[in-house]
Every structure is written in C-alpha cells, then in structure tokens.
Amino acid sequence: MTTLASGIHRLWGRQGSRTQAVDTDAESSSATTGGTVSQEPVVVWQAANPMEAQIVRGRLQSAGIPAIVRGESMGRIYGFIYGGLAERDVLVPAPLAASAEELLSEEIHWGLDSEDSA
C-alpha cells in the first residue's frame, strides 16, 4: 500500500466519534473496518482546476462526507490553473460514494428568485 493510501486510511480512521486504528495489513483490515466493506477512496468528481476541486470538497464536507483532493503534483509545483496538469480528483470513502454522487448531481438553489429580491 502506498504512503498516500496509508495516510488516507489514517485520516478517515480518525473521523467521527468511532475512532479506530486502521491497520495497513490486508488481512487485519477486514476486522478493523467491520467486514468486507471497502474503505478505499473512490473518485466521485474530476475537477478541471484546483478551485473547482476545493468547492466540490467543501460541498461534500458540509454534508458530512469526508473528502480529499488528489491532483497532478507538477501542476501544483508550477502553478498550472488550466489544462491537463491542473486537473484534480475528489475522493470519498467507498461506502459514501453513492451518497456523494447523489449530492453532487443535485441542482444548487442560490435563493436569487425574483420573490426573494423584493
């Protein structure tokens, strides 16, 4: 398992009131996570740039869904804001992926109707 994946497991292992130490060993992870449910991060959104990725991550986190942003390291180093090197992935734990995709597919109502402005 890579260092990034280990860090993600530790991050999500600390979320909420049910804090548990997450083992990186595949055999003991099923006992730690409570069965066969995979806690691996899943991509739920591919953002065109870092700002879009942070907005999506914030929307998920405000709904109580832990999310992280993964992106091309060269884009961060050189500050690319558009193009292939600026793309970012937003990831959530696998059990929450369906909820996250549903939330992100909902239309946002900003409350700018003509009735509200009167």
PDB file of N, CA and C in Angstrom:
ATOM      1  N   MET A   1       0.852  -1.176   0.000  1.00  0.00           N
ATOM      2  CA  MET A   1       0.000   0.000   0.000  1.00  0.00           C
ATOM      3  C   MET A   1       0.897   1.239   0.000  1.00  0.00           C
ATOM      4  N   THR A   2       0.543   2.232  -0.754  1.00  0.00           N
ATOM      5  CA  THR A   2       1.385   3.414  -0.867  1.00  0.00           C
ATOM      6  C   THR A   2       1.272   4.279   0.371  1.00  0.00           C
ATOM      7  N   THR A   3       2.193   5.203   0.487  1.00  0.00           N
ATOM      8  CA  THR A   3       2.177   6.123   1.615  1.00  0.00           C
ATOM      9  C   THR A   3       0.929   6.991   1.586  1.00  0.00           C
ATOM     10  N   LEU A   4       0.500   7.430   0.385  1.00  0.00           N
ATOM     11  CA  LEU A   4      -0.708   8.240   0.272  1.00  0.00           C
ATOM     12  C   LEU A   4      -1.923   7.472   0.776  1.00  0.00           C
ATOM     13  N   ALA A   5      -2.052   6.219   0.351  1.00  0.00           N
ATOM     14  CA  ALA A   5      -3.203   5.415   0.790  1.00  0.00           C
ATOM     15  C   ALA A   5      -3.158   5.174   2.293  1.00  0.00           C
ATOM     16  N   SER A   6      -1.961   4.968   2.844  1.00  0.00           N
ATOM     17  CA  SER A   6      -1.846   4.783   4.290  1.00  0.00           C
ATOM     18  C   SER A   6      -2.282   6.041   5.027  1.00  0.00           C
ATOM     19  N   GLY A   7      -1.878   7.193   4.502  1.00  0.00           N
ATOM     20  CA  GLY A   7      -2.273   8.458   5.116  1.00  0.00           C
ATOM     21  C   GLY A   7      -3.772   8.685   5.046  1.00  0.00           C
ATOM     22  N   ILE A   8      -4.381   8.289   3.932  1.00  0.00           N
ATOM     23  CA  ILE A   8      -5.832   8.430   3.770  1.00  0.00           C
ATOM     24  C   ILE A   8      -6.546   7.542   4.780  1.00  0.00           C
ATOM     25  N   HIS A   9      -6.063   6.293   4.927  1.00  0.00           N
ATOM     26  CA  HIS A   9      -6.684   5.393   5.897  1.00  0.00           C
ATOM     27  C   HIS A   9      -6.588   5.968   7.303  1.00  0.00           C
ATOM     28  N   ARG A  10      -5.444   6.537   7.644  1.00  0.00           N
ATOM     29  CA  ARG A  10      -5.307   7.120   8.979  1.00  0.00           C
ATOM     30  C   ARG A  10      -6.220   8.323   9.139  1.00  0.00           C
ATOM     31  N   LEU A  11      -6.350   9.149   8.090  1.00  0.00           N
ATOM     32  CA  LEU A  11      -7.216  10.323   8.146  1.00  0.00           C
ATOM     33  C   LEU A  11      -8.662   9.912   8.380  1.00  0.00           C
ATOM     34  N   TRP A  12      -9.176   8.969   7.592  1.00  0.00           N
ATOM     35  CA  TRP A  12     -10.562   8.554   7.731  1.00  0.00           C
ATOM     36  C   TRP A  12     -10.774   7.696   8.957  1.00  0.00           C
ATOM     37  N   GLY A  13      -9.737   7.064   9.456  1.00  0.00           N
ATOM     38  CA  GLY A  13      -9.851   6.280  10.677  1.00  0.00           C
ATOM     39  C   GLY A  13     -10.117   7.167  11.878  1.00  0.00           C
ATOM     40  N   ARG A  14      -9.759   8.462  11.785  1.00  0.00           N
ATOM     41  CA  ARG A  14      -9.962   9.403  12.892  1.00  0.00           C
ATOM     42  C   ARG A  14     -11.266  10.160  12.788  1.00  0.00           C
ATOM     43  N   GLN A  15     -12.015  10.032  11.711  1.00  0.00           N
ATOM     44  CA  GLN A  15     -13.248  10.783  11.529  1.00  0.00           C
ATOM     45  C   GLN A  15     -14.318  10.291  12.485  1.00  0.00           C
ATOM     46  N   GLY A  16     -15.114  11.194  13.001  1.00  0.00           N
ATOM     47  CA  GLY A  16     -16.274  10.847  13.818  1.00  0.00           C
ATOM     48  C   GLY A  16     -15.900  10.405  15.215  1.00  0.00           C
ATOM     49  N   SER A  17     -16.895   9.927  15.936  1.00  0.00           N
ATOM     50  CA  SER A  17     -16.682   9.529  17.321  1.00  0.00           C
ATOM     51  C   SER A  17     -16.187   8.095  17.443  1.00  0.00           C
ATOM     52  N   ARG A  18     -16.223   7.307  16.379  1.00  0.00           N
ATOM     53  CA  ARG A  18     -15.796   5.914  16.412  1.00  0.00           C
ATOM     54  C   ARG A  18     -14.346   5.801  15.954  1.00  0.00           C
ATOM     55  N   THR A  19     -13.446   6.466  16.626  1.00  0.00           N
ATOM     56  CA  THR A  19     -12.042   6.454  16.240  1.00  0.00           C
ATOM     57  C   THR A  19     -11.464   5.065  16.443  1.00  0.00           C
ATOM     58  N   GLN A  20     -10.883   4.525  15.367  1.00  0.00           N
ATOM     59  CA  GLN A  20     -10.250   3.223  15.413  1.00  0.00           C
ATOM     60  C   GLN A  20      -8.921   3.320  14.698  1.00  0.00           C
ATOM     61  N   ALA A  21      -7.944   2.563  15.182  1.00  0.00           N
ATOM     62  CA  ALA A  21      -6.674   2.489  14.487  1.00  0.00           C
ATOM     63  C   ALA A  21      -6.880   1.644  13.240  1.00  0.00           C
ATOM     64  N   VAL A  22      -6.425   2.133  12.103  1.00  0.00           N
ATOM     65  CA  VAL A  22      -6.595   1.421  10.850  1.00  0.00           C
ATOM     66  C   VAL A  22      -5.286   0.760  10.490  1.00  0.00           C
ATOM     67  N   ASP A  23      -5.312  -0.559  10.366  1.00  0.00           N
ATOM     68  CA  ASP A  23      -4.142  -1.343  10.011  1.00  0.00           C
ATOM     69  C   ASP A  23      -3.957  -1.308   8.507  1.00  0.00           C
ATOM     70  N   THR A  24      -2.728  -1.251   8.032  1.00  0.00           N
ATOM     71  CA  THR A  24      -2.483  -1.290   6.599  1.00  0.00           C
ATOM     72  C   THR A  24      -2.365  -2.706   6.085  1.00  0.00           C
ATOM     73  N   ASP A  25      -2.312  -3.698   6.969  1.00  0.00           N
ATOM     74  CA  ASP A  25      -2.233  -5.087   6.570  1.00  0.00           C
ATOM     75  C   ASP A  25      -3.591  -5.539   6.045  1.00  0.00           C
ATOM     76  N   ALA A  26      -3.626  -6.155   4.862  1.00  0.00           N
ATOM     77  CA  ALA A  26      -4.884  -6.528   4.210  1.00  0.00           C
ATOM     78  C   ALA A  26      -5.680  -7.531   5.031  1.00  0.00           C
ATOM     79  N   GLU A  27      -5.017  -8.485   5.706  1.00  0.00           N
ATOM     80  CA  GLU A  27      -5.739  -9.496   6.462  1.00  0.00           C
ATOM     81  C   GLU A  27      -6.426  -8.920   7.684  1.00  0.00           C
ATOM     82  N   SER A  28      -5.801  -7.994   8.375  1.00  0.00           N
ATOM     83  CA  SER A  28      -6.404  -7.447   9.584  1.00  0.00           C
ATOM     84  C   SER A  28      -7.327  -6.280   9.296  1.00  0.00           C
ATOM     85  N   SER A  29      -7.298  -5.724   8.066  1.00  0.00           N
ATOM     86  CA  SER A  29      -8.140  -4.575   7.768  1.00  0.00           C
ATOM     87  C   SER A  29      -9.613  -4.932   7.744  1.00  0.00           C
ATOM     88  N   SER A  30      -9.975  -6.163   7.385  1.00  0.00           N
ATOM     89  CA  SER A  30     -11.383  -6.525   7.365  1.00  0.00           C
ATOM     90  C   SER A  30     -11.962  -6.503   8.778  1.00  0.00           C
ATOM     91  N   ALA A  31     -11.165  -6.884   9.772  1.00  0.00           N
ATOM     92  CA  ALA A  31     -11.636  -6.836  11.150  1.00  0.00           C
ATOM     93  C   ALA A  31     -11.724  -5.400  11.643  1.00  0.00           C
ATOM     94  N   THR A  32     -10.813  -4.556  11.208  1.00  0.00           N
ATOM     95  CA  THR A  32     -10.788  -3.161  11.645  1.00  0.00           C
ATOM     96  C   THR A  32     -11.940  -2.369  11.049  1.00  0.00           C
ATOM     97  N   THR A  33     -12.257  -2.630   9.780  1.00  0.00           N
ATOM     98  CA  THR A  33     -13.288  -1.846   9.111  1.00  0.00           C
ATOM     99  C   THR A  33     -14.686  -2.409   9.306  1.00  0.00           C
ATOM    100  N   GLY A  34     -14.792  -3.568   9.959  1.00  0.00           N
ATOM    101  CA  GLY A  34     -16.108  -4.088  10.273  1.00  0.00           C
ATOM    102  C   GLY A  34     -16.677  -4.999   9.216  1.00  0.00           C
ATOM    103  N   GLY A  35     -15.852  -5.707   8.481  1.00  0.00           N
ATOM    104  CA  GLY A  35     -16.368  -6.653   7.498  1.00  0.00           C
ATOM    105  C   GLY A  35     -15.722  -6.475   6.149  1.00  0.00           C
ATOM    106  N   THR A  36     -16.515  -6.755   5.127  1.00  0.00           N
ATOM    107  CA  THR A  36     -15.973  -6.736   3.779  1.00  0.00           C
ATOM    108  C   THR A  36     -16.181  -5.405   3.066  1.00  0.00           C
ATOM    109  N   VAL A  37     -16.688  -4.413   3.733  1.00  0.00           N
ATOM    110  CA  VAL A  37     -16.902  -3.110   3.121  1.00  0.00           C
ATOM    111  C   VAL A  37     -15.558  -2.436   2.907  1.00  0.00           C
ATOM    112  N   SER A  38     -15.281  -2.067   1.676  1.00  0.00           N
ATOM    113  CA  SER A  38     -14.008  -1.441   1.337  1.00  0.00           C
ATOM    114  C   SER A  38     -14.003   0.022   1.769  1.00  0.00           C
ATOM    115  N   GLN A  39     -12.939   0.430   2.420  1.00  0.00           N
ATOM    116  CA  GLN A  39     -12.781   1.823   2.830  1.00  0.00           C
ATOM    117  C   GLN A  39     -11.873   2.578   1.872  1.00  0.00           C
ATOM    118  N   GLU A  40     -11.508   1.940   0.770  1.00  0.00           N
ATOM    119  CA  GLU A  40     -10.626   2.583  -0.202  1.00  0.00           C
ATOM    120  C   GLU A  40     -11.301   3.840  -0.760  1.00  0.00           C
ATOM    121  N   PRO A  41     -10.526   4.881  -0.997  1.00  0.00           N
ATOM    122  CA  PRO A  41     -11.099   6.097  -1.575  1.00  0.00           C
ATOM    123  C   PRO A  41     -11.538   5.880  -3.023  1.00  0.00           C
ATOM    124  N   VAL A  42     -12.638   6.518  -3.401  1.00  0.00           N
ATOM    125  CA  VAL A  42     -13.218   6.403  -4.730  1.00  0.00           C
ATOM    126  C   VAL A  42     -13.344   7.800  -5.323  1.00  0.00           C
ATOM    127  N   VAL A  43     -13.003   7.948  -6.589  1.00  0.00           N
ATOM    128  CA  VAL A  43     -13.140   9.238  -7.272  1.00  0.00           C
ATOM    129  C   VAL A  43     -14.614   9.473  -7.570  1.00  0.00           C
ATOM    130  N   VAL A  44     -15.150  10.597  -7.084  1.00  0.00           N
ATOM    131  CA  VAL A  44     -16.549  10.944  -7.355  1.00  0.00           C
ATOM    132  C   VAL A  44     -16.658  12.184  -8.233  1.00  0.00           C
ATOM    133  N   TRP A  45     -15.552  12.901  -8.434  1.00  0.00           N
ATOM    134  CA  TRP A  45     -15.594  14.114  -9.251  1.00  0.00           C
ATOM    135  C   TRP A  45     -14.214  14.372  -9.828  1.00  0.00           C
ATOM    136  N   GLN A  46     -14.162  14.697 -11.102  1.00  0.00           N
ATOM    137  CA  GLN A  46     -12.911  15.106 -11.728  1.00  0.00           C
ATOM    138  C   GLN A  46     -13.040  16.578 -12.060  1.00  0.00           C
ATOM    139  N   ALA A  47     -12.304  17.386 -11.317  1.00  0.00           N
ATOM    140  CA  ALA A  47     -12.379  18.837 -11.471  1.00  0.00           C
ATOM    141  C   ALA A  47     -11.379  19.309 -12.508  1.00  0.00           C
ATOM    142  N   ALA A  48     -11.732  20.361 -13.207  1.00  0.00           N
ATOM    143  CA  ALA A  48     -10.868  20.916 -14.243  1.00  0.00           C
ATOM    144  C   ALA A  48      -9.715  21.728 -13.674  1.00  0.00           C
ATOM    145  N   ASN A  49      -9.872  22.198 -12.434  1.00  0.00           N
ATOM    146  CA  ASN A  49      -8.825  23.024 -11.828  1.00  0.00           C
ATOM    147  C   ASN A  49      -8.905  22.923 -10.306  1.00  0.00           C
ATOM    148  N   PRO A  50      -7.883  23.405  -9.609  1.00  0.00           N
ATOM    149  CA  PRO A  50      -7.854  23.293  -8.143  1.00  0.00           C
ATOM    150  C   PRO A  50      -9.027  23.985  -7.443  1.00  0.00           C
ATOM    151  N   MET A  51      -9.466  25.123  -7.962  1.00  0.00           N
ATOM    152  CA  MET A  51     -10.554  25.853  -7.312  1.00  0.00           C
ATOM    153  C   MET A  51     -11.855  25.049  -7.356  1.00  0.00           C
ATOM    154  N   GLU A  52     -12.161  24.469  -8.498  1.00  0.00           N
ATOM    155  CA  GLU A  52     -13.365  23.647  -8.616  1.00  0.00           C
ATOM    156  C   GLU A  52     -13.298  22.461  -7.658  1.00  0.00           C
ATOM    157  N   ALA A  53     -12.133  21.850  -7.553  1.00  0.00           N
ATOM    158  CA  ALA A  53     -11.963  20.705  -6.661  1.00  0.00           C
ATOM    159  C   ALA A  53     -12.209  21.099  -5.208  1.00  0.00           C
ATOM    160  N   GLN A  54     -11.718  22.257  -4.797  1.00  0.00           N
ATOM    161  CA  GLN A  54     -11.915  22.703  -3.417  1.00  0.00           C
ATOM    162  C   GLN A  54     -13.380  23.030  -3.144  1.00  0.00           C
ATOM    163  N   ILE A  55     -14.080  23.569  -4.129  1.00  0.00           N
ATOM    164  CA  ILE A  55     -15.511  23.866  -3.967  1.00  0.00           C
ATOM    165  C   ILE A  55     -16.301  22.563  -3.790  1.00  0.00           C
ATOM    166  N   VAL A  56     -15.994  21.566  -4.614  1.00  0.00           N
ATOM    167  CA  VAL A  56     -16.677  20.275  -4.523  1.00  0.00           C
ATOM    168  C   VAL A  56     -16.364  19.613  -3.182  1.00  0.00           C
ATOM    169  N   ARG A  57     -15.099  19.649  -2.782  1.00  0.00           N
ATOM    170  CA  ARG A  57     -14.718  19.066  -1.496  1.00  0.00           C
ATOM    171  C   ARG A  57     -15.461  19.752  -0.352  1.00  0.00           C
ATOM    172  N   GLY A  58     -15.563  21.068  -0.384  1.00  0.00           N
ATOM    173  CA  GLY A  58     -16.284  21.800   0.652  1.00  0.00           C
ATOM    174  C   GLY A  58     -17.757  21.459   0.690  1.00  0.00           C
ATOM    175  N   ARG A  59     -18.356  21.271  -0.479  1.00  0.00           N
ATOM    176  CA  ARG A  59     -19.779  20.904  -0.524  1.00  0.00           C
ATOM    177  C   ARG A  59     -19.992  19.529   0.106  1.00  0.00           C
ATOM    178  N   LEU A  60     -19.099  18.594  -0.189  1.00  0.00           N
ATOM    179  CA  LEU A  60     -19.213  17.262   0.401  1.00  0.00           C
ATOM    180  C   LEU A  60     -19.000  17.307   1.911  1.00  0.00           C
ATOM    181  N   GLN A  61     -17.995  18.028   2.344  1.00  0.00           N
ATOM    182  CA  GLN A  61     -17.703  18.099   3.773  1.00  0.00           C
ATOM    183  C   GLN A  61     -18.815  18.797   4.539  1.00  0.00           C
ATOM    184  N   SER A  62     -19.466  19.786   3.928  1.00  0.00           N
ATOM    185  CA  SER A  62     -20.566  20.457   4.622  1.00  0.00           C
ATOM    186  C   SER A  62     -21.767  19.527   4.791  1.00  0.00           C
ATOM    187  N   ALA A  63     -21.837  18.474   3.966  1.00  0.00           N
ATOM    188  CA  ALA A  63     -22.904  17.483   4.096  1.00  0.00           C
ATOM    189  C   ALA A  63     -22.476  16.317   4.985  1.00  0.00           C
ATOM    190  N   GLY A  64     -21.287  16.407   5.576  1.00  0.00           N
ATOM    191  CA  GLY A  64     -20.813  15.371   6.478  1.00  0.00           C
ATOM    192  C   GLY A  64     -20.090  14.219   5.800  1.00  0.00           C
ATOM    193  N   ILE A  65     -19.706  14.390   4.547  1.00  0.00           N
ATOM    194  CA  ILE A  65     -18.994  13.344   3.809  1.00  0.00           C
ATOM    195  C   ILE A  65     -17.524  13.730   3.741  1.00  0.00           C
ATOM    196  N   PRO A  66     -16.633  12.940   4.357  1.00  0.00           N
ATOM    197  CA  PRO A  66     -15.212  13.272   4.300  1.00  0.00           C
ATOM    198  C   PRO A  66     -14.692  13.148   2.866  1.00  0.00           C
ATOM    199  N   ALA A  67     -13.919  14.118   2.433  1.00  0.00           N
ATOM    200  CA  ALA A  67     -13.413  14.127   1.058  1.00  0.00           C
ATOM    201  C   ALA A  67     -11.993  14.676   1.032  1.00  0.00           C
ATOM    202  N   ILE A  68     -11.228  14.203   0.058  1.00  0.00           N
ATOM    203  CA  ILE A  68      -9.882  14.716  -0.148  1.00  0.00           C
ATOM    204  C   ILE A  68      -9.714  15.034  -1.625  1.00  0.00           C
ATOM    205  N   VAL A  69      -8.726  15.866  -1.920  1.00  0.00           N
ATOM    206  CA  VAL A  69      -8.421  16.238  -3.296  1.00  0.00           C
ATOM    207  C   VAL A  69      -7.070  15.643  -3.654  1.00  0.00           C
ATOM    208  N   ARG A  70      -7.036  14.964  -4.795  1.00  0.00           N
ATOM    209  CA  ARG A  70      -5.795  14.399  -5.306  1.00  0.00           C
ATOM    210  C   ARG A  70      -5.552  15.012  -6.674  1.00  0.00           C
ATOM    211  N   GLY A  71      -4.308  15.434  -6.928  1.00  0.00           N
ATOM    212  CA  GLY A  71      -4.034  16.059  -8.214  1.00  0.00           C
ATOM    213  C   GLY A  71      -2.632  15.806  -8.706  1.00  0.00           C
ATOM    214  N   GLU A  72      -2.384  16.298  -9.874  1.00  0.00           N
ATOM    215  CA  GLU A  72      -1.081  16.169 -10.508  1.00  0.00           C
ATOM    216  C   GLU A  72      -0.076  17.046  -9.770  1.00  0.00           C
ATOM    217  N   SER A  73       0.992  16.439  -9.293  1.00  0.00           N
ATOM    218  CA  SER A  73       1.965  17.191  -8.499  1.00  0.00           C
ATOM    219  C   SER A  73       2.686  18.260  -9.313  1.00  0.00           C
ATOM    220  N   MET A  74       2.911  18.008 -10.585  1.00  0.00           N
ATOM    221  CA  MET A  74       3.596  19.012 -11.411  1.00  0.00           C
ATOM    222  C   MET A  74       2.742  20.270 -11.549  1.00  0.00           C
ATOM    223  N   GLY A  75       1.425  20.097 -11.587  1.00  0.00           N
ATOM    224  CA  GLY A  75       0.537  21.249 -11.661  1.00  0.00           C
ATOM    225  C   GLY A  75       0.657  22.136 -10.438  1.00  0.00           C
ATOM    226  N   ARG A  76       0.809  21.501  -9.271  1.00  0.00           N
ATOM    227  CA  ARG A  76       0.969  22.268  -8.032  1.00  0.00           C
ATOM    228  C   ARG A  76       2.322  22.964  -7.987  1.00  0.00           C
ATOM    229  N   ILE A  77       3.348  22.276  -8.424  1.00  0.00           N
ATOM    230  CA  ILE A  77       4.690  22.848  -8.375  1.00  0.00           C
ATOM    231  C   ILE A  77       4.796  24.083  -9.258  1.00  0.00           C
ATOM    232  N   TYR A  78       4.265  23.988 -10.472  1.00  0.00           N
ATOM    233  CA  TYR A  78       4.396  25.089 -11.421  1.00  0.00           C
ATOM    234  C   TYR A  78       3.191  26.020 -11.451  1.00  0.00           C
ATOM    235  N   GLY A  79       2.175  25.733 -10.663  1.00  0.00           N
ATOM    236  CA  GLY A  79       1.027  26.633 -10.539  1.00  0.00           C
ATOM    237  C   GLY A  79       0.097  26.642 -11.732  1.00  0.00           C
ATOM    238  N   PHE A  80      -0.039  25.522 -12.430  1.00  0.00           N
ATOM    239  CA  PHE A  80      -0.954  25.466 -13.566  1.00  0.00           C
ATOM    240  C   PHE A  80      -2.388  25.575 -13.072  1.00  0.00           C
ATOM    241  N   ILE A  81      -3.185  26.418 -13.741  1.00  0.00           N
ATOM    242  CA  ILE A  81      -4.574  26.593 -13.328  1.00  0.00           C
ATOM    243  C   ILE A  81      -5.559  26.098 -14.380  1.00  0.00           C
ATOM    244  N   TYR A  82      -5.069  25.643 -15.520  1.00  0.00           N
ATOM    245  CA  TYR A  82      -5.934  25.044 -16.533  1.00  0.00           C
ATOM    246  C   TYR A  82      -5.125  24.024 -17.334  1.00  0.00           C
ATOM    247  N   GLY A  83      -5.846  23.161 -18.030  1.00  0.00           N
ATOM    248  CA  GLY A  83      -5.190  22.123 -18.806  1.00  0.00           C
ATOM    249  C   GLY A  83      -5.063  20.829 -18.020  1.00  0.00           C
ATOM    250  N   GLY A  84      -4.456  19.844 -18.639  1.00  0.00           N
ATOM    251  CA  GLY A  84      -4.344  18.521 -18.046  1.00  0.00           C
ATOM    252  C   GLY A  84      -3.603  18.489 -16.733  1.00  0.00           C
ATOM    253  N   LEU A  85      -2.596  19.328 -16.566  1.00  0.00           N
ATOM    254  CA  LEU A  85      -1.839  19.321 -15.318  1.00  0.00           C
ATOM    255  C   LEU A  85      -2.558  20.016 -14.173  1.00  0.00           C
ATOM    256  N   ALA A  86      -3.642  20.709 -14.460  1.00  0.00           N
ATOM    257  CA  ALA A  86      -4.401  21.386 -13.406  1.00  0.00           C
ATOM    258  C   ALA A  86      -5.549  20.531 -12.890  1.00  0.00           C
ATOM    259  N   GLU A  87      -5.850  19.424 -13.562  1.00  0.00           N
ATOM    260  CA  GLU A  87      -6.981  18.590 -13.160  1.00  0.00           C
ATOM    261  C   GLU A  87      -6.761  17.987 -11.780  1.00  0.00           C
ATOM    262  N   ARG A  88      -7.861  17.840 -11.039  1.00  0.00           N
ATOM    263  CA  ARG A  88      -7.832  17.265  -9.701  1.00  0.00           C
ATOM    264  C   ARG A  88      -8.965  16.261  -9.564  1.00  0.00           C
ATOM    265  N   ASP A  89      -8.742  15.235  -8.755  1.00  0.00           N
ATOM    266  CA  ASP A  89      -9.777  14.255  -8.431  1.00  0.00           C
ATOM    267  C   ASP A  89     -10.244  14.491  -7.007  1.00  0.00           C
ATOM    268  N   VAL A  90     -11.550  14.396  -6.790  1.00  0.00           N
ATOM    269  CA  VAL A  90     -12.121  14.475  -5.448  1.00  0.00           C
ATOM    270  C   VAL A  90     -12.521  13.058  -5.063  1.00  0.00           C
ATOM    271  N   LEU A  91     -12.000  12.600  -3.920  1.00  0.00           N
ATOM    272  CA  LEU A  91     -12.225  11.224  -3.479  1.00  0.00           C
ATOM    273  C   LEU A  91     -12.966  11.181  -2.153  1.00  0.00           C
ATOM    274  N   VAL A  92     -13.793  10.147  -1.995  1.00  0.00           N
ATOM    275  CA  VAL A  92     -14.514   9.900  -0.747  1.00  0.00           C
ATOM    276  C   VAL A  92     -14.372   8.414  -0.419  1.00  0.00           C
ATOM    277  N   PRO A  93     -14.639   7.995   0.830  1.00  0.00           N
ATOM    278  CA  PRO A  93     -14.618   6.568   1.156  1.00  0.00           C
ATOM    279  C   PRO A  93     -15.666   5.818   0.322  1.00  0.00           C
ATOM    280  N   ALA A  94     -15.336   4.601  -0.107  1.00  0.00           N
ATOM    281  CA  ALA A  94     -16.212   3.812  -0.988  1.00  0.00           C
ATOM    282  C   ALA A  94     -17.650   3.685  -0.478  1.00  0.00           C
ATOM    283  N   PRO A  95     -17.888   3.459   0.826  1.00  0.00           N
ATOM    284  CA  PRO A  95     -19.280   3.325   1.275  1.00  0.00           C
ATOM    285  C   PRO A  95     -20.104   4.607   1.119  1.00  0.00           C
ATOM    286  N   LEU A  96     -19.444   5.752   1.004  1.00  0.00           N
ATOM    287  CA  LEU A  96     -20.157   7.024   0.885  1.00  0.00           C
ATOM    288  C   LEU A  96     -20.198   7.546  -0.545  1.00  0.00           C
ATOM    289  N   ALA A  97     -19.659   6.789  -1.499  1.00  0.00           N
ATOM    290  CA  ALA A  97     -19.570   7.258  -2.881  1.00  0.00           C
ATOM    291  C   ALA A  97     -20.944   7.515  -3.495  1.00  0.00           C
ATOM    292  N   ALA A  98     -21.897   6.632  -3.279  1.00  0.00           N
ATOM    293  CA  ALA A  98     -23.235   6.814  -3.853  1.00  0.00           C
ATOM    294  C   ALA A  98     -23.900   8.066  -3.295  1.00  0.00           C
ATOM    295  N   SER A  99     -23.764   8.301  -1.990  1.00  0.00           N
ATOM    296  CA  SER A  99     -24.335   9.500  -1.370  1.00  0.00           C
ATOM    297  C   SER A  99     -23.670  10.753  -1.915  1.00  0.00           C
ATOM    298  N   ALA A 100     -22.356  10.690  -2.092  1.00  0.00           N
ATOM    299  CA  ALA A 100     -21.619  11.845  -2.608  1.00  0.00           C
ATOM    300  C   ALA A 100     -22.029  12.159  -4.039  1.00  0.00           C
ATOM    301  N   GLU A 101     -22.140  11.139  -4.882  1.00  0.00           N
ATOM    302  CA  GLU A 101     -22.537  11.361  -6.274  1.00  0.00           C
ATOM    303  C   GLU A 101     -23.957  11.908  -6.359  1.00  0.00           C
ATOM    304  N   GLU A 102     -24.832  11.430  -5.493  1.00  0.00           N
ATOM    305  CA  GLU A 102     -26.210  11.937  -5.470  1.00  0.00           C
ATOM    306  C   GLU A 102     -26.227  13.414  -5.068  1.00  0.00           C
ATOM    307  N   LEU A 103     -25.463  13.755  -4.044  1.00  0.00           N
ATOM    308  CA  LEU A 103     -25.389  15.143  -3.594  1.00  0.00           C
ATOM    309  C   LEU A 103     -24.845  16.048  -4.695  1.00  0.00           C
ATOM    310  N   LEU A 104     -23.811  15.591  -5.371  1.00  0.00           N
ATOM    311  CA  LEU A 104     -23.190  16.415  -6.412  1.00  0.00           C
ATOM    312  C   LEU A 104     -24.035  16.526  -7.669  1.00  0.00           C
ATOM    313  N   SER A 105     -24.976  15.601  -7.859  1.00  0.00           N
ATOM    314  CA  SER A 105     -25.844  15.677  -9.035  1.00  0.00           C
ATOM    315  C   SER A 105     -27.055  16.585  -8.805  1.00  0.00           C
ATOM    316  N   GLU A 106     -27.309  16.944  -7.539  1.00  0.00           N
ATOM    317  CA  GLU A 106     -28.435  17.828  -7.231  1.00  0.00           C
ATOM    318  C   GLU A 106     -28.144  19.247  -7.711  1.00  0.00           C
ATOM    319  N   GLU A 107     -29.200  19.911  -8.145  1.00  0.00           N
ATOM    320  CA  GLU A 107     -29.072  21.299  -8.572  1.00  0.00           C
ATOM    321  C   GLU A 107     -28.973  22.198  -7.346  1.00  0.00           C
ATOM    322  N   ILE A 108     -28.131  23.205  -7.433  1.00  0.00           N
ATOM    323  CA  ILE A 108     -27.956  24.140  -6.323  1.00  0.00           C
ATOM    324  C   ILE A 108     -28.922  25.303  -6.503  1.00  0.00           C
ATOM    325  N   HIS A 109     -29.684  25.596  -5.464  1.00  0.00           N
ATOM    326  CA  HIS A 109     -30.602  26.738  -5.479  1.00  0.00           C
ATOM    327  C   HIS A 109     -29.971  27.854  -4.646  1.00  0.00           C
ATOM    328  N   TRP A 110     -29.662  28.945  -5.294  1.00  0.00           N
ATOM    329  CA  TRP A 110     -28.938  30.030  -4.642  1.00  0.00           C
ATOM    330  C   TRP A 110     -29.862  31.000  -3.931  1.00  0.00           C
ATOM    331  N   GLY A 111     -31.172  30.897  -4.097  1.00  0.00           N
ATOM    332  CA  GLY A 111     -32.092  31.796  -3.406  1.00  0.00           C
ATOM    333  C   GLY A 111     -32.139  33.178  -4.033  1.00  0.00           C
ATOM    334  N   LEU A 112     -31.918  33.253  -5.340  1.00  0.00           N
ATOM    335  CA  LEU A 112     -31.922  34.540  -6.035  1.00  0.00           C
ATOM    336  C   LEU A 112     -33.170  34.705  -6.889  1.00  0.00           C
ATOM    337  N   ASP A 113     -34.265  34.097  -6.471  1.00  0.00           N
ATOM    338  CA  ASP A 113     -35.520  34.235  -7.192  1.00  0.00           C
ATOM    339  C   ASP A 113     -36.002  35.666  -7.104  1.00  0.00           C
ATOM    340  N   SER A 114     -36.871  36.054  -8.039  1.00  0.00           N
ATOM    341  CA  SER A 114     -37.397  37.428  -8.053  1.00  0.00           C
ATOM    342  C   SER A 114     -38.209  37.728  -6.793  1.00  0.00           C
ATOM    343  N   GLU A 115     -38.811  36.714  -6.185  1.00  0.00           N
ATOM    344  CA  GLU A 115     -39.587  36.912  -4.954  1.00  0.00           C
ATOM    345  C   GLU A 115     -38.666  37.255  -3.792  1.00  0.00           C
ATOM    346  N   ASP A 116     -37.454  36.668  -3.774  1.00  0.00           N
ATOM    347  CA  ASP A 116     -36.523  36.917  -2.685  1.00  0.00           C
ATOM    348  C   ASP A 116     -35.933  38.324  -2.723  1.00  0.00           C
ATOM    349  N   SER A 117     -35.827  38.912  -3.915  1.00  0.00           N
ATOM    350  CA  SER A 117     -35.186  40.220  -4.026  1.00  0.00           C
ATOM    351  C   SER A 117     -36.123  41.363  -3.701  1.00  0.00           C
ATOM    352  N   ALA A 118     -37.418  41.093  -3.558  1.00  0.00           N
ATOM    353  CA  ALA A 118     -38.380  42.158  -3.272  1.00  0.00           C
ATOM    354  C   ALA A 118     -38.387  42.539  -1.826  1.00  0.00           C
TER     355      ALA A 118
END
